[in-house]
Amino acid sequence: MALGLSSDSHVVRITCLRSSVGQPLAIERTCISSEFLPHARTVTSSICNTLADANFRPVRAIQRTFASNIEDPDASLLGVAIGTAGLLTKRVAYLASGRAIEFTRSLFRGDAEGFVSELTFLEN
């Protein structure tokens, strides 16, 4: 629904375990219409690069961040105890046409990740 697709649409789902120096930091689950990415196996570096190479580069995104207790199986993947505090983000990215292209849920370990945001304000 976040992508505005009909119930009979096909999607590609990609799950990525992000880590740094061998320590798992986040689980990222991305859903993209198969119209834009017909095969998940074509992603060899980043999803953004793959979409840009196919001329489907998102130009903006809306992301919400929530506090979340990490449950299994995610706790096991991240190497933390069940119930550990974490951060959950939900992001919808859009093409220049305004069409939603990507929905991503990311779950971050609360003890190993921080956020940096840069805001740019356009003149009217």
PDB file of N, CA and C in Angstrom:
ATOM      1  N   MET A   1       0.827  -1.194   0.000  1.00  0.00           N
ATOM      2  CA  MET A   1       0.000   0.000   0.000  1.00  0.00           C
ATOM      3  C   MET A   1       0.869   1.255   0.000  1.00  0.00           C
ATOM      4  N   ALA A   2       2.005   1.206   0.681  1.00  0.00           N
ATOM      5  CA  ALA A   2       2.881   2.377   0.743  1.00  0.00           C
ATOM      6  C   ALA A   2       3.378   2.789  -0.630  1.00  0.00           C
ATOM      7  N   LEU A   3       3.450   1.832  -1.563  1.00  0.00           N
ATOM      8  CA  LEU A   3       3.906   2.126  -2.915  1.00  0.00           C
ATOM      9  C   LEU A   3       2.761   2.469  -3.864  1.00  0.00           C
ATOM     10  N   GLY A   4       1.522   2.390  -3.389  1.00  0.00           N
ATOM     11  CA  GLY A   4       0.383   2.705  -4.223  1.00  0.00           C
ATOM     12  C   GLY A   4       0.143   1.682  -5.315  1.00  0.00           C
ATOM     13  N   LEU A   5       0.478   0.429  -5.054  1.00  0.00           N
ATOM     14  CA  LEU A   5       0.321  -0.638  -6.045  1.00  0.00           C
ATOM     15  C   LEU A   5      -0.981  -1.392  -5.834  1.00  0.00           C
ATOM     16  N   SER A   6      -1.473  -2.005  -6.893  1.00  0.00           N
ATOM     17  CA  SER A   6      -2.669  -2.826  -6.777  1.00  0.00           C
ATOM     18  C   SER A   6      -2.304  -4.156  -6.116  1.00  0.00           C
ATOM     19  N   SER A   7      -3.307  -4.872  -5.653  1.00  0.00           N
ATOM     20  CA  SER A   7      -3.061  -6.120  -4.921  1.00  0.00           C
ATOM     21  C   SER A   7      -2.466  -7.221  -5.796  1.00  0.00           C
ATOM     22  N   ASP A   8      -2.591  -7.097  -7.112  1.00  0.00           N
ATOM     23  CA  ASP A   8      -2.015  -8.124  -7.985  1.00  0.00           C
ATOM     24  C   ASP A   8      -0.660  -7.723  -8.567  1.00  0.00           C
ATOM     25  N   SER A   9      -0.098  -6.616  -8.086  1.00  0.00           N
ATOM     26  CA  SER A   9       1.228  -6.179  -8.536  1.00  0.00           C
ATOM     27  C   SER A   9       2.317  -7.064  -7.944  1.00  0.00           C
ATOM     28  N   HIS A  10       3.405  -7.197  -8.660  1.00  0.00           N
ATOM     29  CA  HIS A  10       4.547  -7.962  -8.177  1.00  0.00           C
ATOM     30  C   HIS A  10       5.603  -7.000  -7.635  1.00  0.00           C
ATOM     31  N   VAL A  11       6.245  -7.427  -6.557  1.00  0.00           N
ATOM     32  CA  VAL A  11       7.291  -6.614  -5.951  1.00  0.00           C
ATOM     33  C   VAL A  11       8.548  -7.450  -5.736  1.00  0.00           C
ATOM     34  N   VAL A  12       9.656  -6.752  -5.620  1.00  0.00           N
ATOM     35  CA  VAL A  12      10.930  -7.363  -5.267  1.00  0.00           C
ATOM     36  C   VAL A  12      11.204  -6.963  -3.825  1.00  0.00           C
ATOM     37  N   ARG A  13      11.565  -7.941  -3.011  1.00  0.00           N
ATOM     38  CA  ARG A  13      11.892  -7.672  -1.599  1.00  0.00           C
ATOM     39  C   ARG A  13      13.361  -8.019  -1.375  1.00  0.00           C
ATOM     40  N   ILE A  14      14.074  -7.078  -0.781  1.00  0.00           N
ATOM     41  CA  ILE A  14      15.501  -7.270  -0.523  1.00  0.00           C
ATOM     42  C   ILE A  14      15.747  -7.019   0.957  1.00  0.00           C
ATOM     43  N   THR A  15      16.416  -7.960   1.606  1.00  0.00           N
ATOM     44  CA  THR A  15      16.796  -7.796   3.007  1.00  0.00           C
ATOM     45  C   THR A  15      18.312  -7.723   3.068  1.00  0.00           C
ATOM     46  N   CYS A  16      18.793  -6.740   3.808  1.00  0.00           N
ATOM     47  CA  CYS A  16      20.234  -6.524   3.918  1.00  0.00           C
ATOM     48  C   CYS A  16      20.605  -6.361   5.392  1.00  0.00           C
ATOM     49  N   LEU A  17      21.623  -7.070   5.816  1.00  0.00           N
ATOM     50  CA  LEU A  17      22.152  -6.903   7.165  1.00  0.00           C
ATOM     51  C   LEU A  17      23.342  -5.958   7.072  1.00  0.00           C
ATOM     52  N   ARG A  18      23.208  -4.767   7.615  1.00  0.00           N
ATOM     53  CA  ARG A  18      24.285  -3.769   7.602  1.00  0.00           C
ATOM     54  C   ARG A  18      25.198  -4.010   8.791  1.00  0.00           C
ATOM     55  N   SER A  19      26.488  -3.934   8.557  1.00  0.00           N
ATOM     56  CA  SER A  19      27.434  -4.143   9.659  1.00  0.00           C
ATOM     57  C   SER A  19      28.633  -3.227   9.498  1.00  0.00           C
ATOM     58  N   SER A  20      29.387  -3.110  10.575  1.00  0.00           N
ATOM     59  CA  SER A  20      30.621  -2.333  10.588  1.00  0.00           C
ATOM     60  C   SER A  20      31.638  -3.103  11.411  1.00  0.00           C
ATOM     61  N   VAL A  21      32.817  -3.294  10.843  1.00  0.00           N
ATOM     62  CA  VAL A  21      33.889  -4.092  11.451  1.00  0.00           C
ATOM     63  C   VAL A  21      33.366  -5.382  12.081  1.00  0.00           C
ATOM     64  N   GLY A  22      32.510  -6.065  11.332  1.00  0.00           N
ATOM     65  CA  GLY A  22      32.017  -7.365  11.763  1.00  0.00           C
ATOM     66  C   GLY A  22      30.864  -7.345  12.735  1.00  0.00           C
ATOM     67  N   GLN A  23      30.449  -6.164  13.186  1.00  0.00           N
ATOM     68  CA  GLN A  23      29.335  -6.080  14.129  1.00  0.00           C
ATOM     69  C   GLN A  23      28.061  -5.681  13.382  1.00  0.00           C
ATOM     70  N   PRO A  24      26.992  -6.485  13.494  1.00  0.00           N
ATOM     71  CA  PRO A  24      25.737  -6.107  12.841  1.00  0.00           C
ATOM     72  C   PRO A  24      25.166  -4.836  13.457  1.00  0.00           C
ATOM     73  N   LEU A  25      24.733  -3.907  12.592  1.00  0.00           N
ATOM     74  CA  LEU A  25      24.196  -2.633  13.058  1.00  0.00           C
ATOM     75  C   LEU A  25      22.706  -2.465  12.773  1.00  0.00           C
ATOM     76  N   ALA A  26      22.262  -2.993  11.619  1.00  0.00           N
ATOM     77  CA  ALA A  26      20.875  -2.757  11.220  1.00  0.00           C
ATOM     78  C   ALA A  26      20.418  -3.820  10.230  1.00  0.00           C
ATOM     79  N   ILE A  27      19.114  -4.045  10.216  1.00  0.00           N
ATOM     80  CA  ILE A  27      18.475  -4.894   9.216  1.00  0.00           C
ATOM     81  C   ILE A  27      17.634  -3.967   8.357  1.00  0.00           C
ATOM     82  N   GLU A  28      17.883  -4.000   7.062  1.00  0.00           N
ATOM     83  CA  GLU A  28      17.161  -3.142   6.136  1.00  0.00           C
ATOM     84  C   GLU A  28      16.335  -4.008   5.198  1.00  0.00           C
ATOM     85  N   ARG A  29      15.023  -3.765   5.173  1.00  0.00           N
ATOM     86  CA  ARG A  29      14.114  -4.525   4.308  1.00  0.00           C
ATOM     87  C   ARG A  29      13.471  -3.559   3.324  1.00  0.00           C
ATOM     88  N   THR A  30      13.737  -3.779   2.033  1.00  0.00           N
ATOM     89  CA  THR A  30      13.269  -2.869   0.992  1.00  0.00           C
ATOM     90  C   THR A  30      12.296  -3.581   0.066  1.00  0.00           C
ATOM     91  N   CYS A  31      11.270  -2.868  -0.338  1.00  0.00           N
ATOM     92  CA  CYS A  31      10.260  -3.376  -1.254  1.00  0.00           C
ATOM     93  C   CYS A  31      10.156  -2.392  -2.416  1.00  0.00           C
ATOM     94  N   ILE A  32      10.305  -2.918  -3.649  1.00  0.00           N
ATOM     95  CA  ILE A  32      10.264  -2.109  -4.866  1.00  0.00           C
ATOM     96  C   ILE A  32       9.390  -2.825  -5.882  1.00  0.00           C
ATOM     97  N   SER A  33       8.581  -2.075  -6.605  1.00  0.00           N
ATOM     98  CA  SER A  33       7.773  -2.677  -7.664  1.00  0.00           C
ATOM     99  C   SER A  33       8.691  -3.355  -8.673  1.00  0.00           C
ATOM    100  N   SER A  34       8.305  -4.557  -9.100  1.00  0.00           N
ATOM    101  CA  SER A  34       9.127  -5.272 -10.081  1.00  0.00           C
ATOM    102  C   SER A  34       9.142  -4.545 -11.429  1.00  0.00           C
ATOM    103  N   GLU A  35       8.283  -3.575 -11.603  1.00  0.00           N
ATOM    104  CA  GLU A  35       8.322  -2.725 -12.799  1.00  0.00           C
ATOM    105  C   GLU A  35       9.658  -1.981 -12.885  1.00  0.00           C
ATOM    106  N   PHE A  36      10.192  -1.581 -11.731  1.00  0.00           N
ATOM    107  CA  PHE A  36      11.433  -0.813 -11.694  1.00  0.00           C
ATOM    108  C   PHE A  36      12.661  -1.686 -11.467  1.00  0.00           C
ATOM    109  N   LEU A  37      12.449  -2.823 -10.840  1.00  0.00           N
ATOM    110  CA  LEU A  37      13.555  -3.725 -10.523  1.00  0.00           C
ATOM    111  C   LEU A  37      13.044  -5.151 -10.693  1.00  0.00           C
ATOM    112  N   PRO A  38      13.110  -5.691 -11.907  1.00  0.00           N
ATOM    113  CA  PRO A  38      12.498  -6.988 -12.179  1.00  0.00           C
ATOM    114  C   PRO A  38      13.116  -8.157 -11.409  1.00  0.00           C
ATOM    115  N   HIS A  39      14.399  -8.050 -11.056  1.00  0.00           N
ATOM    116  CA  HIS A  39      15.076  -9.158 -10.383  1.00  0.00           C
ATOM    117  C   HIS A  39      15.974  -8.636  -9.266  1.00  0.00           C
ATOM    118  N   ALA A  40      15.763  -9.156  -8.070  1.00  0.00           N
ATOM    119  CA  ALA A  40      16.570  -8.725  -6.924  1.00  0.00           C
ATOM    120  C   ALA A  40      18.048  -9.035  -7.119  1.00  0.00           C
ATOM    121  N   ARG A  41      18.347 -10.059  -7.874  1.00  0.00           N
ATOM    122  CA  ARG A  41      19.748 -10.462  -8.067  1.00  0.00           C
ATOM    123  C   ARG A  41      20.545  -9.471  -8.905  1.00  0.00           C
ATOM    124  N   THR A  42      19.872  -8.495  -9.516  1.00  0.00           N
ATOM    125  CA  THR A  42      20.602  -7.478 -10.276  1.00  0.00           C
ATOM    126  C   THR A  42      21.254  -6.449  -9.366  1.00  0.00           C
ATOM    127  N   VAL A  43      20.887  -6.449  -8.085  1.00  0.00           N
ATOM    128  CA  VAL A  43      21.487  -5.510  -7.127  1.00  0.00           C
ATOM    129  C   VAL A  43      22.810  -6.094  -6.664  1.00  0.00           C
ATOM    130  N   THR A  44      23.903  -5.462  -7.108  1.00  0.00           N
ATOM    131  CA  THR A  44      25.233  -5.953  -6.734  1.00  0.00           C
ATOM    132  C   THR A  44      25.971  -4.987  -5.830  1.00  0.00           C
ATOM    133  N   SER A  45      25.543  -3.732  -5.761  1.00  0.00           N
ATOM    134  CA  SER A  45      26.157  -2.779  -4.838  1.00  0.00           C
ATOM    135  C   SER A  45      25.051  -2.203  -3.968  1.00  0.00           C
ATOM    136  N   SER A  46      24.580  -1.030  -4.290  1.00  0.00           N
ATOM    137  CA  SER A  46      23.486  -0.461  -3.507  1.00  0.00           C
ATOM    138  C   SER A  46      22.217  -0.413  -4.346  1.00  0.00           C
ATOM    139  N   ILE A  47      21.100  -0.429  -3.668  1.00  0.00           N
ATOM    140  CA  ILE A  47      19.815  -0.336  -4.347  1.00  0.00           C
ATOM    141  C   ILE A  47      19.720   1.007  -5.064  1.00  0.00           C
ATOM    142  N   CYS A  48      20.173   2.075  -4.401  1.00  0.00           N
ATOM    143  CA  CYS A  48      20.124   3.407  -5.021  1.00  0.00           C
ATOM    144  C   CYS A  48      20.914   3.443  -6.317  1.00  0.00           C
ATOM    145  N   ASN A  49      22.114   2.859  -6.322  1.00  0.00           N
ATOM    146  CA  ASN A  49      22.932   2.845  -7.539  1.00  0.00           C
ATOM    147  C   ASN A  49      22.266   2.032  -8.635  1.00  0.00           C
ATOM    148  N   THR A  50      21.684   0.902  -8.270  1.00  0.00           N
ATOM    149  CA  THR A  50      21.012   0.052  -9.251  1.00  0.00           C
ATOM    150  C   THR A  50      19.831   0.782  -9.883  1.00  0.00           C
ATOM    151  N   LEU A  51      19.032   1.468  -9.058  1.00  0.00           N
ATOM    152  CA  LEU A  51      17.900   2.223  -9.591  1.00  0.00           C
ATOM    153  C   LEU A  51      18.371   3.395 -10.447  1.00  0.00           C
ATOM    154  N   ALA A  52      19.414   4.092 -10.018  1.00  0.00           N
ATOM    155  CA  ALA A  52      19.948   5.215 -10.794  1.00  0.00           C
ATOM    156  C   ALA A  52      20.473   4.736 -12.146  1.00  0.00           C
ATOM    157  N   ASP A  53      21.149   3.586 -12.159  1.00  0.00           N
ATOM    158  CA  ASP A  53      21.664   3.031 -13.419  1.00  0.00           C
ATOM    159  C   ASP A  53      20.536   2.710 -14.396  1.00  0.00           C
ATOM    160  N   ALA A  54      19.350   2.414 -13.876  1.00  0.00           N
ATOM    161  CA  ALA A  54      18.191   2.100 -14.715  1.00  0.00           C
ATOM    162  C   ALA A  54      17.319   3.342 -14.970  1.00  0.00           C
ATOM    163  N   ASN A  55      17.843   4.531 -14.598  1.00  0.00           N
ATOM    164  CA  ASN A  55      17.126   5.808 -14.748  1.00  0.00           C
ATOM    165  C   ASN A  55      15.862   5.891 -13.896  1.00  0.00           C
ATOM    166  N   PHE A  56      15.903   5.272 -12.726  1.00  0.00           N
ATOM    167  CA  PHE A  56      14.803   5.353 -11.762  1.00  0.00           C
ATOM    168  C   PHE A  56      15.311   5.864 -10.422  1.00  0.00           C
ATOM    169  N   ARG A  57      16.085   6.935 -10.453  1.00  0.00           N
ATOM    170  CA  ARG A  57      16.671   7.468  -9.220  1.00  0.00           C
ATOM    171  C   ARG A  57      15.631   8.250  -8.428  1.00  0.00           C
ATOM    172  N   PRO A  58      15.429   7.869  -7.163  1.00  0.00           N
ATOM    173  CA  PRO A  58      14.521   8.651  -6.315  1.00  0.00           C
ATOM    174  C   PRO A  58      15.080  10.063  -6.112  1.00  0.00           C
ATOM    175  N   VAL A  59      14.185  11.042  -6.014  1.00  0.00           N
ATOM    176  CA  VAL A  59      14.620  12.432  -5.819  1.00  0.00           C
ATOM    177  C   VAL A  59      14.249  12.978  -4.444  1.00  0.00           C
ATOM    178  N   ARG A  60      13.358  12.284  -3.747  1.00  0.00           N
ATOM    179  CA  ARG A  60      13.011  12.705  -2.389  1.00  0.00           C
ATOM    180  C   ARG A  60      12.455  11.508  -1.635  1.00  0.00           C
ATOM    181  N   ALA A  61      12.435  11.636  -0.317  1.00  0.00           N
ATOM    182  CA  ALA A  61      11.913  10.558   0.521  1.00  0.00           C
ATOM    183  C   ALA A  61      11.318  11.153   1.783  1.00  0.00           C
ATOM    184  N   ILE A  62      10.367  10.444   2.330  1.00  0.00           N
ATOM    185  CA  ILE A  62       9.800  10.794   3.632  1.00  0.00           C
ATOM    186  C   ILE A  62      10.109   9.625   4.557  1.00  0.00           C
ATOM    187  N   GLN A  63      10.739   9.935   5.676  1.00  0.00           N
ATOM    188  CA  GLN A  63      11.150   8.889   6.611  1.00  0.00           C
ATOM    189  C   GLN A  63      10.626   9.214   8.000  1.00  0.00           C
ATOM    190  N   ARG A  64      10.064   8.211   8.639  1.00  0.00           N
ATOM    191  CA  ARG A  64       9.596   8.331  10.022  1.00  0.00           C
ATOM    192  C   ARG A  64      10.470   7.441  10.891  1.00  0.00           C
ATOM    193  N   THR A  65      10.754   7.877  12.100  1.00  0.00           N
ATOM    194  CA  THR A  65      11.599   7.126  13.019  1.00  0.00           C
ATOM    195  C   THR A  65      10.833   6.880  14.312  1.00  0.00           C
ATOM    196  N   PHE A  66      10.942   5.631  14.792  1.00  0.00           N
ATOM    197  CA  PHE A  66      10.221   5.211  15.997  1.00  0.00           C
ATOM    198  C   PHE A  66      11.170   4.508  16.954  1.00  0.00           C
ATOM    199  N   ALA A  67      10.868   4.577  18.245  1.00  0.00           N
ATOM    200  CA  ALA A  67      11.534   3.714  19.213  1.00  0.00           C
ATOM    201  C   ALA A  67      10.904   2.332  19.078  1.00  0.00           C
ATOM    202  N   SER A  68      11.705   1.288  19.241  1.00  0.00           N
ATOM    203  CA  SER A  68      11.191  -0.068  19.071  1.00  0.00           C
ATOM    204  C   SER A  68      11.996  -1.041  19.919  1.00  0.00           C
ATOM    205  N   ASN A  69      11.317  -1.996  20.523  1.00  0.00           N
ATOM    206  CA  ASN A  69      12.016  -3.089  21.191  1.00  0.00           C
ATOM    207  C   ASN A  69      12.273  -4.173  20.150  1.00  0.00           C
ATOM    208  N   ILE A  70      13.485  -4.683  20.111  1.00  0.00           N
ATOM    209  CA  ILE A  70      13.874  -5.648  19.087  1.00  0.00           C
ATOM    210  C   ILE A  70      13.490  -7.053  19.537  1.00  0.00           C
ATOM    211  N   GLU A  71      12.707  -7.721  18.691  1.00  0.00           N
ATOM    212  CA  GLU A  71      12.245  -9.078  18.969  1.00  0.00           C
ATOM    213  C   GLU A  71      12.923 -10.053  18.019  1.00  0.00           C
ATOM    214  N   ASP A  72      12.797 -11.347  18.299  1.00  0.00           N
ATOM    215  CA  ASP A  72      13.325 -12.369  17.391  1.00  0.00           C
ATOM    216  C   ASP A  72      12.445 -12.460  16.156  1.00  0.00           C
ATOM    217  N   PRO A  73      12.973 -12.776  15.010  1.00  0.00           N
ATOM    218  CA  PRO A  73      14.337 -13.222  14.742  1.00  0.00           C
ATOM    219  C   PRO A  73      15.340 -12.083  14.581  1.00  0.00           C
ATOM    220  N   ASP A  74      14.852 -10.821  14.589  1.00  0.00           N
ATOM    221  CA  ASP A  74      15.754  -9.683  14.389  1.00  0.00           C
ATOM    222  C   ASP A  74      16.805  -9.567  15.494  1.00  0.00           C
ATOM    223  N   ALA A  75      16.420  -9.856  16.737  1.00  0.00           N
ATOM    224  CA  ALA A  75      17.375  -9.779  17.844  1.00  0.00           C
ATOM    225  C   ALA A  75      18.547 -10.734  17.607  1.00  0.00           C
ATOM    226  N   SER A  76      18.266 -11.934  17.149  1.00  0.00           N
ATOM    227  CA  SER A  76      19.331 -12.903  16.869  1.00  0.00           C
ATOM    228  C   SER A  76      20.236 -12.415  15.746  1.00  0.00           C
ATOM    229  N   LEU A  77      19.637 -11.877  14.683  1.00  0.00           N
ATOM    230  CA  LEU A  77      20.435 -11.368  13.564  1.00  0.00           C
ATOM    231  C   LEU A  77      21.343 -10.215  13.983  1.00  0.00           C
ATOM    232  N   LEU A  78      20.837  -9.362  14.871  1.00  0.00           N
ATOM    233  CA  LEU A  78      21.616  -8.207  15.314  1.00  0.00           C
ATOM    234  C   LEU A  78      22.526  -8.512  16.501  1.00  0.00           C
ATOM    235  N   GLY A  79      22.404  -9.691  17.067  1.00  0.00           N
ATOM    236  CA  GLY A  79      23.271 -10.076  18.180  1.00  0.00           C
ATOM    237  C   GLY A  79      22.948  -9.365  19.480  1.00  0.00           C
ATOM    238  N   VAL A  80      21.645  -9.108  19.709  1.00  0.00           N
ATOM    239  CA  VAL A  80      21.225  -8.447  20.950  1.00  0.00           C
ATOM    240  C   VAL A  80      20.167  -9.304  21.633  1.00  0.00           C
ATOM    241  N   ALA A  81      19.938  -9.026  22.904  1.00  0.00           N
ATOM    242  CA  ALA A  81      18.914  -9.749  23.660  1.00  0.00           C
ATOM    243  C   ALA A  81      17.522  -9.333  23.197  1.00  0.00           C
ATOM    244  N   ILE A  82      16.585 -10.262  23.260  1.00  0.00           N
ATOM    245  CA  ILE A  82      15.191  -9.961  22.942  1.00  0.00           C
ATOM    246  C   ILE A  82      14.714  -8.835  23.857  1.00  0.00           C
ATOM    247  N   GLY A  83      14.042  -7.841  23.267  1.00  0.00           N
ATOM    248  CA  GLY A  83      13.532  -6.710  24.033  1.00  0.00           C
ATOM    249  C   GLY A  83      14.481  -5.527  24.098  1.00  0.00           C
ATOM    250  N   THR A  84      15.691  -5.666  23.536  1.00  0.00           N
ATOM    251  CA  THR A  84      16.658  -4.563  23.528  1.00  0.00           C
ATOM    252  C   THR A  84      16.079  -3.373  22.764  1.00  0.00           C
ATOM    253  N   ALA A  85      16.375  -2.175  23.242  1.00  0.00           N
ATOM    254  CA  ALA A  85      15.894  -0.960  22.587  1.00  0.00           C
ATOM    255  C   ALA A  85      16.581  -0.773  21.237  1.00  0.00           C
ATOM    256  N   GLY A  86      15.795  -0.329  20.274  1.00  0.00           N
ATOM    257  CA  GLY A  86      16.322  -0.043  18.946  1.00  0.00           C
ATOM    258  C   GLY A  86      15.552   1.090  18.315  1.00  0.00           C
ATOM    259  N   LEU A  87      15.950   1.420  17.097  1.00  0.00           N
ATOM    260  CA  LEU A  87      15.250   2.432  16.329  1.00  0.00           C
ATOM    261  C   LEU A  87      14.729   1.807  15.048  1.00  0.00           C
ATOM    262  N   LEU A  88      13.481   2.104  14.728  1.00  0.00           N
ATOM    263  CA  LEU A  88      12.854   1.609  13.513  1.00  0.00           C
ATOM    264  C   LEU A  88      12.570   2.800  12.615  1.00  0.00           C
ATOM    265  N   THR A  89      13.005   2.720  11.365  1.00  0.00           N
ATOM    266  CA  THR A  89      12.661   3.764  10.404  1.00  0.00           C
ATOM    267  C   THR A  89      11.809   3.159   9.303  1.00  0.00           C
ATOM    268  N   LYS A  90      10.888   3.962   8.800  1.00  0.00           N
ATOM    269  CA  LYS A  90      10.052   3.592   7.652  1.00  0.00           C
ATOM    270  C   LYS A  90      10.182   4.731   6.648  1.00  0.00           C
ATOM    271  N   ARG A  91      10.650   4.380   5.440  1.00  0.00           N
ATOM    272  CA  ARG A  91      10.931   5.393   4.435  1.00  0.00           C
ATOM    273  C   ARG A  91      10.234   5.053   3.125  1.00  0.00           C
ATOM    274  N   VAL A  92       9.600   6.062   2.531  1.00  0.00           N
ATOM    275  CA  VAL A  92       9.049   5.937   1.186  1.00  0.00           C
ATOM    276  C   VAL A  92       9.807   6.936   0.320  1.00  0.00           C
ATOM    277  N   ALA A  93      10.413   6.423  -0.768  1.00  0.00           N
ATOM    278  CA  ALA A  93      11.157   7.269  -1.698  1.00  0.00           C
ATOM    279  C   ALA A  93      10.347   7.458  -2.966  1.00  0.00           C
ATOM    280  N   TYR A  94      10.512   8.630  -3.579  1.00  0.00           N
ATOM    281  CA  TYR A  94       9.695   9.016  -4.722  1.00  0.00           C
ATOM    282  C   TYR A  94      10.548   9.426  -5.920  1.00  0.00           C
ATOM    283  N   LEU A  95      10.008   9.166  -7.101  1.00  0.00           N
ATOM    284  CA  LEU A  95      10.604   9.631  -8.349  1.00  0.00           C
ATOM    285  C   LEU A  95      10.240  11.098  -8.563  1.00  0.00           C
ATOM    286  N   ALA A  96      10.872  11.747  -9.529  1.00  0.00           N
ATOM    287  CA  ALA A  96      10.557  13.143  -9.844  1.00  0.00           C
ATOM    288  C   ALA A  96       9.100  13.311 -10.245  1.00  0.00           C
ATOM    289  N   SER A  97       8.492  12.270 -10.817  1.00  0.00           N
ATOM    290  CA  SER A  97       7.077  12.319 -11.217  1.00  0.00           C
ATOM    291  C   SER A  97       6.129  12.315 -10.022  1.00  0.00           C
ATOM    292  N   GLY A  98       6.651  12.005  -8.835  1.00  0.00           N
ATOM    293  CA  GLY A  98       5.824  11.921  -7.632  1.00  0.00           C
ATOM    294  C   GLY A  98       5.417  10.507  -7.287  1.00  0.00           C
ATOM    295  N   ARG A  99       5.723   9.564  -8.157  1.00  0.00           N
ATOM    296  CA  ARG A  99       5.357   8.169  -7.909  1.00  0.00           C
ATOM    297  C   ARG A  99       6.291   7.548  -6.871  1.00  0.00           C
ATOM    298  N   ALA A 100       5.716   6.813  -5.921  1.00  0.00           N
ATOM    299  CA  ALA A 100       6.510   6.104  -4.916  1.00  0.00           C
ATOM    300  C   ALA A 100       7.242   4.957  -5.604  1.00  0.00           C
ATOM    301  N   ILE A 101       8.543   4.813  -5.325  1.00  0.00           N
ATOM    302  CA  ILE A 101       9.332   3.760  -5.953  1.00  0.00           C
ATOM    303  C   ILE A 101       9.864   2.747  -4.942  1.00  0.00           C
ATOM    304  N   GLU A 102      10.043   3.156  -3.707  1.00  0.00           N
ATOM    305  CA  GLU A 102      10.697   2.275  -2.725  1.00  0.00           C
ATOM    306  C   GLU A 102      10.081   2.462  -1.348  1.00  0.00           C
ATOM    307  N   PHE A 103       9.855   1.344  -0.662  1.00  0.00           N
ATOM    308  CA  PHE A 103       9.455   1.379   0.750  1.00  0.00           C
ATOM    309  C   PHE A 103      10.490   0.578   1.513  1.00  0.00           C
ATOM    310  N   THR A 104      11.116   1.209   2.504  1.00  0.00           N
ATOM    311  CA  THR A 104      12.157   0.539   3.278  1.00  0.00           C
ATOM    312  C   THR A 104      11.876   0.663   4.761  1.00  0.00           C
ATOM    313  N   ARG A 105      11.978  -0.478   5.446  1.00  0.00           N
ATOM    314  CA  ARG A 105      11.923  -0.529   6.918  1.00  0.00           C
ATOM    315  C   ARG A 105      13.308  -0.918   7.387  1.00  0.00           C
ATOM    316  N   SER A 106      13.884  -0.125   8.258  1.00  0.00           N
ATOM    317  CA  SER A 106      15.210  -0.426   8.802  1.00  0.00           C
ATOM    318  C   SER A 106      15.113  -0.487  10.319  1.00  0.00           C
ATOM    319  N   LEU A 107      15.723  -1.508  10.889  1.00  0.00           N
ATOM    320  CA  LEU A 107      15.750  -1.673  12.339  1.00  0.00           C
ATOM    321  C   LEU A 107      17.199  -1.585  12.792  1.00  0.00           C
ATOM    322  N   PHE A 108      17.514  -0.591  13.612  1.00  0.00           N
ATOM    323  CA  PHE A 108      18.866  -0.317  14.066  1.00  0.00           C
ATOM    324  C   PHE A 108      19.041  -0.716  15.522  1.00  0.00           C
ATOM    325  N   ARG A 109      20.197  -1.282  15.829  1.00  0.00           N
ATOM    326  CA  ARG A 109      20.550  -1.509  17.232  1.00  0.00           C
ATOM    327  C   ARG A 109      20.605  -0.161  17.934  1.00  0.00           C
ATOM    328  N   GLY A 110      20.013  -0.082  19.103  1.00  0.00           N
ATOM    329  CA  GLY A 110      20.009   1.170  19.842  1.00  0.00           C
ATOM    330  C   GLY A 110      21.366   1.519  20.429  1.00  0.00           C
ATOM    331  N   ASP A 111      22.238   0.525  20.604  1.00  0.00           N
ATOM    332  CA  ASP A 111      23.524   0.767  21.242  1.00  0.00           C
ATOM    333  C   ASP A 111      24.665   0.997  20.247  1.00  0.00           C
ATOM    334  N   ALA A 112      24.374   0.963  18.953  1.00  0.00           N
ATOM    335  CA  ALA A 112      25.488   1.019  18.012  1.00  0.00           C
ATOM    336  C   ALA A 112      25.252   1.932  16.819  1.00  0.00           C
ATOM    337  N   GLU A 113      24.235   2.719  16.817  1.00  0.00           N
ATOM    338  CA  GLU A 113      23.940   3.517  15.619  1.00  0.00           C
ATOM    339  C   GLU A 113      23.470   4.901  16.024  1.00  0.00           C
ATOM    340  N   GLY A 114      23.828   5.872  15.251  1.00  0.00           N
ATOM    341  CA  GLY A 114      23.366   7.241  15.441  1.00  0.00           C
ATOM    342  C   GLY A 114      22.893   7.779  14.110  1.00  0.00           C
ATOM    343  N   PHE A 115      22.234   8.908  14.121  1.00  0.00           N
ATOM    344  CA  PHE A 115      21.699   9.495  12.900  1.00  0.00           C
ATOM    345  C   PHE A 115      22.268  10.890  12.702  1.00  0.00           C
ATOM    346  N   VAL A 116      22.569  11.213  11.483  1.00  0.00           N
ATOM    347  CA  VAL A 116      22.962  12.557  11.095  1.00  0.00           C
ATOM    348  C   VAL A 116      21.989  12.992  10.012  1.00  0.00           C
ATOM    349  N   SER A 117      21.443  14.176  10.149  1.00  0.00           N
ATOM    350  CA  SER A 117      20.508  14.681   9.149  1.00  0.00           C
ATOM    351  C   SER A 117      20.984  16.018   8.633  1.00  0.00           C
ATOM    352  N   GLU A 118      20.867  16.212   7.336  1.00  0.00           N
ATOM    353  CA  GLU A 118      21.149  17.501   6.723  1.00  0.00           C
ATOM    354  C   GLU A 118      19.872  17.976   6.061  1.00  0.00           C
ATOM    355  N   LEU A 119      19.470  19.194   6.368  1.00  0.00           N
ATOM    356  CA  LEU A 119      18.255  19.751   5.803  1.00  0.00           C
ATOM    357  C   LEU A 119      18.638  20.882   4.851  1.00  0.00           C
ATOM    358  N   THR A 120      18.032  20.882   3.704  1.00  0.00           N
ATOM    359  CA  THR A 120      18.251  21.950   2.718  1.00  0.00           C
ATOM    360  C   THR A 120      16.927  22.636   2.478  1.00  0.00           C
ATOM    361  N   PHE A 121      16.930  23.950   2.578  1.00  0.00           N
ATOM    362  CA  PHE A 121      15.710  24.718   2.383  1.00  0.00           C
ATOM    363  C   PHE A 121      15.791  25.444   1.056  1.00  0.00           C
ATOM    364  N   LEU A 122      14.801  25.206   0.208  1.00  0.00           N
ATOM    365  CA  LEU A 122      14.759  25.848  -1.091  1.00  0.00           C
ATOM    366  C   LEU A 122      14.068  27.202  -0.970  1.00  0.00           C
ATOM    367  N   GLU A 123      14.548  28.170  -1.747  1.00  0.00           N
ATOM    368  CA  GLU A 123      13.895  29.479  -1.747  1.00  0.00           C
ATOM    369  C   GLU A 123      12.616  29.402  -2.554  1.00  0.00           C
ATOM    370  N   ASN A 124      11.598  30.127  -2.137  1.00  0.00           N
ATOM    371  CA  ASN A 124      10.329  30.146  -2.887  1.00  0.00           C
ATOM    372  C   ASN A 124      10.368  31.181  -3.970  1.00  0.00           C
TER     373      ASN A 124
END
